[in-house]
Amino acid sequence: MEIDQLGAMAVKGELSACDLDKLKEMEDNFTELLLSTDPKDNFTLTEITDFKWNPVLKNDYIKTDILNKNKTKCQ
């Protein structure tokens, strides 16, 4: 939940350089947790019969590292 909250603030440009570093570290730690645990511990699968894949791709995902690229370094 904290990653989502800080991410929303990063999109708005409301995080300091140090807070951006904290967010990046939290995201990296969460990624490592997901990669190092058994998927059965993290996800529940339910079979959906007669499912039709109909993706709507917009490629409009906001990259906070790009939005905040001109921030100074954390001191």
C-alpha atoms as a PDB file:
ATOM      1  CA  MET A   1       0.000   0.000   0.000  1.00  0.00           C
ATOM      2  CA  GLU A   2       2.852   2.398   0.799  1.00  0.00           C
ATOM      3  CA  ILE A   3       4.396   1.790  -2.636  1.00  0.00           C
ATOM      4  CA  ASP A   4       1.093   2.760  -4.274  1.00  0.00           C
ATOM      5  CA  GLN A   5       0.783   5.900  -2.150  1.00  0.00           C
ATOM      6  CA  LEU A   6       4.346   7.025  -2.791  1.00  0.00           C
ATOM      7  CA  GLY A   7       3.995   6.145  -6.483  1.00  0.00           C
ATOM      8  CA  ALA A   8       0.950   8.402  -6.783  1.00  0.00           C
ATOM      9  CA  MET A   9       2.903  11.200  -5.138  1.00  0.00           C
ATOM     10  CA  ALA A  10       5.859  10.593  -7.483  1.00  0.00           C
ATOM     11  CA  VAL A  11       3.548  10.919 -10.515  1.00  0.00           C
ATOM     12  CA  LYS A  12       2.490  14.334  -9.181  1.00  0.00           C
ATOM     13  CA  GLY A  13       6.139  15.330  -8.621  1.00  0.00           C
ATOM     14  CA  GLU A  14       5.570  15.633  -4.876  1.00  0.00           C
ATOM     15  CA  LEU A  15       8.469  13.473  -3.642  1.00  0.00           C
ATOM     16  CA  SER A  16      11.930  14.679  -2.709  1.00  0.00           C
ATOM     17  CA  ALA A  17      14.989  13.008  -4.182  1.00  0.00           C
ATOM     18  CA  CYS A  18      15.451  11.004  -0.966  1.00  0.00           C
ATOM     19  CA  ASP A  19      11.811   9.892  -1.002  1.00  0.00           C
ATOM     20  CA  LEU A  20      12.217   8.781  -4.625  1.00  0.00           C
ATOM     21  CA  ASP A  21      15.226   6.694  -3.560  1.00  0.00           C
ATOM     22  CA  LYS A  22      13.142   5.192  -0.736  1.00  0.00           C
ATOM     23  CA  LEU A  23      10.352   4.324  -3.190  1.00  0.00           C
ATOM     24  CA  LYS A  24      12.821   2.685  -5.589  1.00  0.00           C
ATOM     25  CA  GLU A  25      14.314   0.628  -2.749  1.00  0.00           C
ATOM     26  CA  MET A  26      10.846  -0.491  -1.615  1.00  0.00           C
ATOM     27  CA  GLU A  27       9.926  -1.494  -5.184  1.00  0.00           C
ATOM     28  CA  ASP A  28      13.186  -3.424  -5.590  1.00  0.00           C
ATOM     29  CA  ASN A  29      12.664  -5.227  -2.263  1.00  0.00           C
ATOM     30  CA  PHE A  30       9.100  -6.165  -3.238  1.00  0.00           C
ATOM     31  CA  THR A  31      10.334  -7.485  -6.584  1.00  0.00           C
ATOM     32  CA  GLU A  32      12.956  -9.611  -4.811  1.00  0.00           C
ATOM     33  CA  LEU A  33      10.279 -10.958  -2.448  1.00  0.00           C
ATOM     34  CA  LEU A  34       8.071 -11.981  -5.366  1.00  0.00           C
ATOM     35  CA  LEU A  35      10.959 -13.620  -7.211  1.00  0.00           C
ATOM     36  CA  SER A  36      12.263 -15.487  -4.163  1.00  0.00           C
ATOM     37  CA  THR A  37       8.997 -16.984  -2.909  1.00  0.00           C
ATOM     38  CA  ASP A  38       6.902 -19.801  -4.270  1.00  0.00           C
ATOM     39  CA  PRO A  39       4.203 -18.321  -6.555  1.00  0.00           C
ATOM     40  CA  LYS A  40       1.624 -20.433  -4.702  1.00  0.00           C
ATOM     41  CA  ASP A  41       2.314 -18.301  -1.626  1.00  0.00           C
ATOM     42  CA  ASN A  42       1.642 -15.044  -3.495  1.00  0.00           C
ATOM     43  CA  PHE A  43      -1.136 -15.822  -5.951  1.00  0.00           C
ATOM     44  CA  THR A  44      -4.433 -17.672  -6.068  1.00  0.00           C
ATOM     45  CA  LEU A  45      -5.483 -19.059  -9.428  1.00  0.00           C
ATOM     46  CA  THR A  46      -9.021 -19.727 -10.489  1.00  0.00           C
ATOM     47  CA  GLU A  47      -9.843 -21.319 -13.818  1.00  0.00           C
ATOM     48  CA  ILE A  48     -12.231 -19.290 -15.949  1.00  0.00           C
ATOM     49  CA  THR A  49     -14.007 -21.310 -18.591  1.00  0.00           C
ATOM     50  CA  ASP A  50     -14.899 -19.776 -21.966  1.00  0.00           C
ATOM     51  CA  PHE A  51     -12.588 -16.818 -21.356  1.00  0.00           C
ATOM     52  CA  LYS A  52     -11.875 -14.619 -24.396  1.00  0.00           C
ATOM     53  CA  TRP A  53      -8.786 -12.402 -24.288  1.00  0.00           C
ATOM     54  CA  ASN A  54      -9.638  -8.935 -25.559  1.00  0.00           C
ATOM     55  CA  PRO A  55      -6.759  -6.624 -24.595  1.00  0.00           C
ATOM     56  CA  VAL A  56      -7.059  -2.872 -24.752  1.00  0.00           C
ATOM     57  CA  LEU A  57      -3.519  -1.575 -24.959  1.00  0.00           C
ATOM     58  CA  LYS A  58      -2.894   2.145 -24.687  1.00  0.00           C
ATOM     59  CA  ASN A  59       0.797   2.215 -23.736  1.00  0.00           C
ATOM     60  CA  ASP A  60       0.011   5.084 -21.373  1.00  0.00           C
ATOM     61  CA  TYR A  61       1.713   3.790 -18.238  1.00  0.00           C
ATOM     62  CA  ILE A  62       3.353   6.693 -16.408  1.00  0.00           C
ATOM     63  CA  LYS A  63       7.026   6.126 -15.635  1.00  0.00           C
ATOM     64  CA  THR A  64       7.874   7.987 -12.437  1.00  0.00           C
ATOM     65  CA  ASP A  65      11.622   7.772 -13.117  1.00  0.00           C
ATOM     66  CA  ILE A  66      11.085   9.709 -16.353  1.00  0.00           C
ATOM     67  CA  LEU A  67       8.759  12.254 -14.721  1.00  0.00           C
ATOM     68  CA  ASN A  68      11.298  12.878 -11.956  1.00  0.00           C
ATOM     69  CA  LYS A  69      14.494  12.669 -14.013  1.00  0.00           C
ATOM     70  CA  ASN A  70      15.499  16.272 -13.266  1.00  0.00           C
ATOM     71  CA  LYS A  71      15.358  15.920  -9.461  1.00  0.00           C
ATOM     72  CA  THR A  72      18.592  16.536  -7.622  1.00  0.00           C
ATOM     73  CA  LYS A  73      20.352  13.606  -5.977  1.00  0.00           C
ATOM     74  CA  CYS A  74      19.495  12.663  -2.395  1.00  0.00           C
ATOM     75  CA  GLN A  75      21.899  14.377  -0.006  1.00  0.00           C
END
